Protein backbone atom coordinates (compact mmCIF):
# COMPACT_ATOMS: atom_id res chain seq x y z
CA MET A 1 -16.06 -1.05 5.24
CA LEU A 2 -15.46 0.95 8.38
CA ALA A 3 -18.14 1.68 10.92
CA ALA A 4 -21.36 3.12 9.52
CA GLY A 5 -21.45 6.88 9.40
CA LEU A 6 -17.70 7.29 9.14
CA ALA A 7 -16.18 9.06 6.18
CA VAL A 8 -13.15 7.10 5.01
CA LEU A 9 -9.93 8.92 4.34
CA GLY A 10 -7.23 7.23 2.34
CA ILE A 11 -3.76 8.39 1.42
CA THR A 12 -3.20 8.90 -2.25
CA ALA A 13 0.16 7.98 -3.71
CA ALA A 14 1.20 11.62 -3.26
CA GLY A 15 0.28 11.52 0.41
CA ALA A 16 -3.00 13.49 0.55
CA TRP A 17 -6.03 12.52 2.61
CA VAL A 18 -9.08 11.76 0.49
CA VAL A 19 -12.54 11.85 2.08
CA ALA A 20 -15.26 9.67 0.61
CA SER A 21 -18.50 11.54 1.29
CA PRO A 22 -21.86 9.76 1.77
CA GLY A 23 -22.77 10.77 -1.78
CA GLY A 24 -19.73 9.00 -3.18
CA GLU A 25 -17.76 12.12 -4.15
CA GLU A 26 -14.13 12.49 -3.15
CA GLU A 27 -12.46 15.62 -1.92
CA VAL A 28 -8.84 16.18 -0.96
CA VAL A 29 -9.02 17.83 2.43
CA GLN A 30 -5.49 18.05 3.78
CA GLN A 31 -1.96 16.77 3.50
CA VAL A 32 -1.14 13.57 5.34
CA GLU A 33 2.04 13.39 7.36
CA THR A 34 3.89 10.19 6.58
CA ALA A 35 4.23 7.89 9.60
CA THR A 36 7.16 9.06 11.71
CA PRO A 37 10.02 6.61 12.32
CA SER A 38 11.11 6.17 15.91
CA PRO A 39 14.44 7.78 16.93
CA ASP A 40 16.38 4.65 15.96
CA ALA A 41 14.84 4.46 12.52
CA SER A 42 17.07 5.05 9.53
CA GLU A 43 14.57 6.29 6.96
CA THR A 44 12.11 9.16 6.78
CA ALA A 45 9.69 9.71 3.90
CA THR A 46 8.46 13.21 3.06
CA PRO A 47 5.11 13.59 1.29
CA ALA A 48 4.63 16.18 -1.45
CA ALA A 49 1.70 18.23 -2.71
CA SER A 50 -0.58 16.55 -5.24
CA PRO A 51 -1.23 18.56 -8.41
CA ALA A 52 -3.75 17.47 -11.01
CA PRO A 53 -2.36 14.55 -13.04
CA GLY A 54 -1.20 15.23 -16.56
CA PRO A 55 -2.55 13.58 -19.70
CA LEU A 56 -2.38 9.81 -19.79
CA ILE A 57 0.24 8.02 -21.86
CA GLU A 58 -0.75 4.82 -23.61
CA LEU A 59 1.65 1.99 -22.79
CA PRO A 60 1.53 -1.55 -24.14
CA SER A 61 -0.08 -3.69 -21.44
CA PRO A 62 2.11 -6.57 -20.31
CA SER A 63 0.70 -10.06 -20.73
CA PRO A 64 2.26 -12.10 -17.91
CA SER A 65 2.35 -15.85 -18.51
CA LEU A 66 1.54 -18.32 -15.75
CA ALA A 67 3.65 -20.93 -17.52
CA ALA A 68 6.74 -18.70 -17.52
CA CYS A 69 6.23 -17.16 -14.08
CA ASP A 70 9.02 -16.70 -11.57
CA PRO A 71 7.67 -16.16 -8.03
CA ASN A 72 11.04 -15.05 -6.65
CA PRO A 73 13.16 -13.39 -9.36
CA PRO A 74 16.49 -11.88 -8.25
CA ALA A 75 16.34 -8.11 -7.70
CA PRO A 76 19.48 -6.25 -8.88
CA LEU A 77 21.24 -3.81 -6.57
CA GLY A 78 19.19 -0.63 -6.14
CA THR A 79 15.87 -2.38 -6.73
CA LYS A 80 13.32 -4.32 -4.66
CA LEU A 81 11.04 -7.23 -5.46
CA TRP A 82 7.43 -6.32 -4.69
CA GLY A 83 4.55 -8.76 -4.47
CA TRP A 84 0.82 -8.07 -4.73
CA GLY A 85 -1.43 -11.11 -4.87
CA ASP A 86 -0.28 -13.19 -7.82
CA LEU A 87 1.84 -10.35 -9.23
CA THR A 88 5.53 -9.69 -8.72
CA ILE A 89 7.47 -6.70 -10.04
CA ILE A 90 11.05 -5.47 -9.61
CA VAL A 91 11.08 -1.72 -8.94
CA PRO A 92 14.01 0.75 -8.56
CA ASP A 93 14.35 2.25 -5.09
CA GLU A 94 13.53 5.75 -6.36
CA ILE A 95 10.03 4.52 -7.26
CA GLN A 96 7.48 4.07 -4.48
CA VAL A 97 4.99 1.19 -4.56
CA GLN A 98 1.58 0.98 -2.86
CA GLY A 99 -1.34 -1.38 -3.02
CA ASP A 100 -4.58 0.58 -3.07
CA LEU A 101 -5.87 -0.41 0.37
CA PHE A 102 -8.64 2.18 0.20
CA ALA A 103 -10.28 1.06 -3.02
CA LEU A 104 -13.73 -0.49 -2.88
CA ASP A 105 -12.51 -3.20 -5.25
CA VAL A 106 -11.75 -6.49 -3.51
CA GLN A 107 -8.68 -6.84 -5.74
CA PRO A 108 -7.17 -3.33 -5.73
CA ASN A 109 -4.55 -2.02 -8.12
CA LEU A 110 -0.84 -1.81 -7.43
CA ILE A 111 0.34 1.80 -7.77
CA LEU A 112 3.83 3.00 -8.75
CA PHE A 113 4.93 6.61 -8.39
CA PRO A 114 8.29 8.43 -8.29
CA ARG A 115 9.23 9.71 -4.85
CA GLU A 116 10.19 13.09 -6.33
CA VAL A 117 7.32 13.61 -8.82
CA SER A 118 4.07 14.34 -7.00
CA GLY A 119 0.78 13.36 -8.58
CA ALA A 120 2.22 11.10 -11.29
CA GLN A 121 0.98 7.52 -10.93
CA THR A 122 1.03 4.21 -12.78
CA HIS A 123 -1.71 1.70 -11.88
CA ILE A 124 -1.38 -2.04 -12.51
CA ASP A 125 -4.47 -4.27 -12.50
CA ALA A 126 -4.02 -6.87 -9.76
CA ARG A 127 -5.92 -9.52 -11.73
CA THR A 128 -4.15 -9.30 -15.08
CA GLY A 129 -0.93 -7.29 -14.68
CA ALA A 130 -2.17 -4.82 -17.30
CA VAL A 131 -1.41 -1.11 -16.98
CA VAL A 132 -4.74 0.66 -16.49
CA ARG A 133 -3.40 4.17 -15.84
CA HIS A 134 -0.12 5.86 -16.63
CA ASP A 135 0.68 9.53 -16.03
CA PRO A 136 3.75 11.26 -17.50
CA GLN A 137 6.71 10.45 -15.24
CA GLY A 138 9.29 12.92 -16.55
CA ASP A 139 12.86 11.77 -15.99
CA TYR A 140 11.53 8.65 -14.23
CA GLU A 141 9.79 7.35 -17.36
CA PRO A 142 12.61 4.89 -18.25
CA ALA A 143 12.63 3.50 -14.68
CA ILE A 144 8.85 2.98 -14.70
CA THR A 145 8.93 1.38 -18.15
CA ALA A 146 11.75 -0.96 -17.10
CA ALA A 147 9.83 -1.95 -13.96
CA LEU A 148 6.70 -2.75 -15.96
CA ALA A 149 8.73 -5.10 -18.13
CA THR A 150 9.51 -7.25 -15.05
CA ILE A 151 5.88 -8.01 -14.12
CA SER A 152 5.32 -11.70 -13.53
CA LYS A 153 2.05 -13.41 -12.63
CA CYS A 154 2.40 -16.53 -10.50
CA PRO A 155 -0.04 -18.23 -8.12
CA PHE A 156 0.59 -16.78 -4.65
CA ASN A 157 2.18 -19.32 -2.30
CA ALA A 158 1.69 -18.33 1.35
CA ALA A 159 3.97 -21.18 2.48
CA ALA A 160 6.92 -19.65 0.61
CA ALA A 161 6.21 -15.93 1.23
CA PRO A 162 8.47 -13.94 3.60
CA TRP A 163 7.46 -12.26 6.87
CA PRO A 164 4.79 -11.92 8.08
CA TYR A 165 3.81 -15.17 6.33
CA ASN A 166 7.02 -16.96 7.35
CA GLY A 167 10.31 -16.24 9.10
CA ASP A 168 11.20 -13.59 11.65
CA PRO A 169 10.20 -9.90 11.51
CA PRO A 170 12.82 -7.43 10.27
CA VAL A 171 14.95 -5.47 12.72
CA GLY A 172 13.59 -2.13 11.45
CA PRO A 173 12.99 0.64 10.70
CA LEU A 174 10.31 0.97 13.37
CA LEU A 175 7.58 3.46 12.40
CA THR A 176 5.14 5.28 14.67
CA LEU A 177 1.59 6.56 14.23
CA GLY A 178 -0.24 7.95 17.23
CA HIS A 179 0.37 5.42 20.00
CA LEU A 180 1.32 2.64 17.60
CA SER A 181 4.79 1.36 16.77
CA TYR A 182 4.89 -0.93 13.75
CA LEU A 183 7.03 -2.48 11.03
CA GLN A 184 6.61 -2.58 7.29
CA PRO A 185 6.08 -6.12 6.00
CA ASP A 186 8.63 -7.48 3.55
CA PRO A 187 7.83 -5.86 0.16
CA SER A 188 7.77 -9.21 -1.61
CA SER A 189 5.25 -10.65 0.89
CA GLY A 190 2.33 -8.91 -0.79
CA MET A 191 1.25 -7.29 2.50
CA GLN A 192 1.62 -3.56 3.21
CA ALA A 193 0.99 -1.10 6.07
CA GLN A 194 -0.24 2.41 5.25
CA THR A 195 -1.64 5.35 7.21
CA GLY A 196 -5.06 6.97 6.83
CA GLY A 197 -7.87 8.50 8.84
CA THR A 198 -11.60 8.55 9.52
CA CYS A 199 -13.98 11.39 10.28
CA GLY A 200 -17.43 11.06 11.87
CA THR A 201 -19.39 10.79 15.10
CA SER A 202 -20.96 7.35 14.85
CA THR A 203 -18.40 5.88 17.24
CA GLY A 204 -18.89 8.65 19.78
CA ALA A 205 -15.67 10.41 18.83
CA SER A 206 -15.79 13.88 17.34
CA GLY A 207 -13.52 15.12 14.57
CA CYS A 208 -11.04 12.87 12.81
CA ARG A 209 -8.78 10.08 13.96
CA ASP A 210 -5.81 8.32 12.42
CA PHE A 211 -5.64 4.64 11.64
CA LEU A 212 -3.10 2.12 10.40
CA ALA A 213 -4.28 0.16 7.36
CA ILE A 214 -2.81 -3.31 6.90
CA GLY A 215 -3.71 -5.12 3.72
CA SER A 216 -2.96 -7.48 0.88
CA GLU A 217 -4.69 -7.97 -2.44
CA HIS A 218 -7.52 -9.93 -0.80
CA SER A 219 -7.48 -8.80 2.85
CA ARG A 220 -7.42 -5.64 4.91
CA LEU A 221 -8.00 -4.31 8.39
CA TYR A 222 -7.62 -0.97 10.16
CA LEU A 223 -6.14 -0.27 13.61
CA ASP A 224 -7.10 2.81 15.62
CA ALA A 225 -3.86 4.77 16.06
CA GLU A 226 -4.73 5.80 19.62
CA THR A 227 -6.01 2.52 21.06
CA GLY A 228 -4.65 -0.18 18.75
CA GLN A 229 -8.14 -1.66 18.48
CA VAL A 230 -9.32 -3.14 15.18
CA ILE A 231 -11.89 -0.84 13.60
CA GLU A 232 -15.08 -2.54 12.46
CA GLY A 233 -14.99 -3.94 8.95
CA ALA A 234 -11.87 -6.15 8.84
CA LYS A 235 -11.92 -8.62 5.98
CA ILE A 236 -9.28 -11.35 6.09
CA ALA A 237 -9.00 -14.14 3.52
CA PRO A 238 -8.35 -17.61 5.00
CA GLU A 239 -4.93 -17.85 3.33
CA ASP A 240 -3.91 -14.54 4.96
CA LYS A 241 -5.20 -15.09 8.51
CA GLN A 242 -2.04 -16.53 10.05
CA ALA A 243 0.12 -13.80 8.50
CA PHE A 244 -2.22 -11.06 9.76
CA ASP A 245 -2.18 -12.59 13.25
CA ARG A 246 1.62 -12.62 13.21
CA TYR A 247 1.77 -9.03 11.98
CA LEU A 248 -0.68 -7.79 14.62
CA ALA A 249 1.42 -9.51 17.29
CA SER A 250 4.36 -7.31 16.22
CA VAL A 251 2.44 -4.02 16.61
CA GLU A 252 3.09 -2.23 19.91
CA VAL A 253 0.67 0.18 21.60
CA ARG A 254 2.44 2.75 23.79
């Protein structure tokens, strides 16, 4: 949890800030601007408005087998291998993937959503690989269905995972948020960086402030976008500590 008295804002898959009030209710308060790449970055993501989700579609839940798992399956051209805890999934580039770093659950869902269809989401249970929510995806339905068919559940091996667990950091693109410059971890590493914000006065600051959320299935921490300081409430699993230390060493405060 963040510091007491702060309302936590998380970005939904469509890019909206969500405030968790003291009473537990959630309210969408404003549109989040996606972190801005530095001038030498090659990619820019544009968030869209978030309409109410449509009716759910029942999909057969995959039943990944530990015996038949493949921790590093080849990803065809135009797709990426994503990791989240013990899960791996191969997803087309037109589909965005986010771990729910703002959920209260210690093992948050993995969320898939088309870049061009706002509000439509597919949630995968991090423990089982089962689909627990699926909104209509329009023309992207075949791509989502094909991605779900690639889910594999294998014991996570930190010694074999890519940066920031092992190897060198990528060349770019370098993203910016406030005074922070940061990289996205390798998608197959199971670690992600996302943007969010907090509102409250318990820390002596009025209004709202941005933060960078860094997390995996079992760990998460939040960096103040202005100071680069870790906001109270970091929770790092022992198997993730070295990778988080290496990632934090790559973050620059301007």
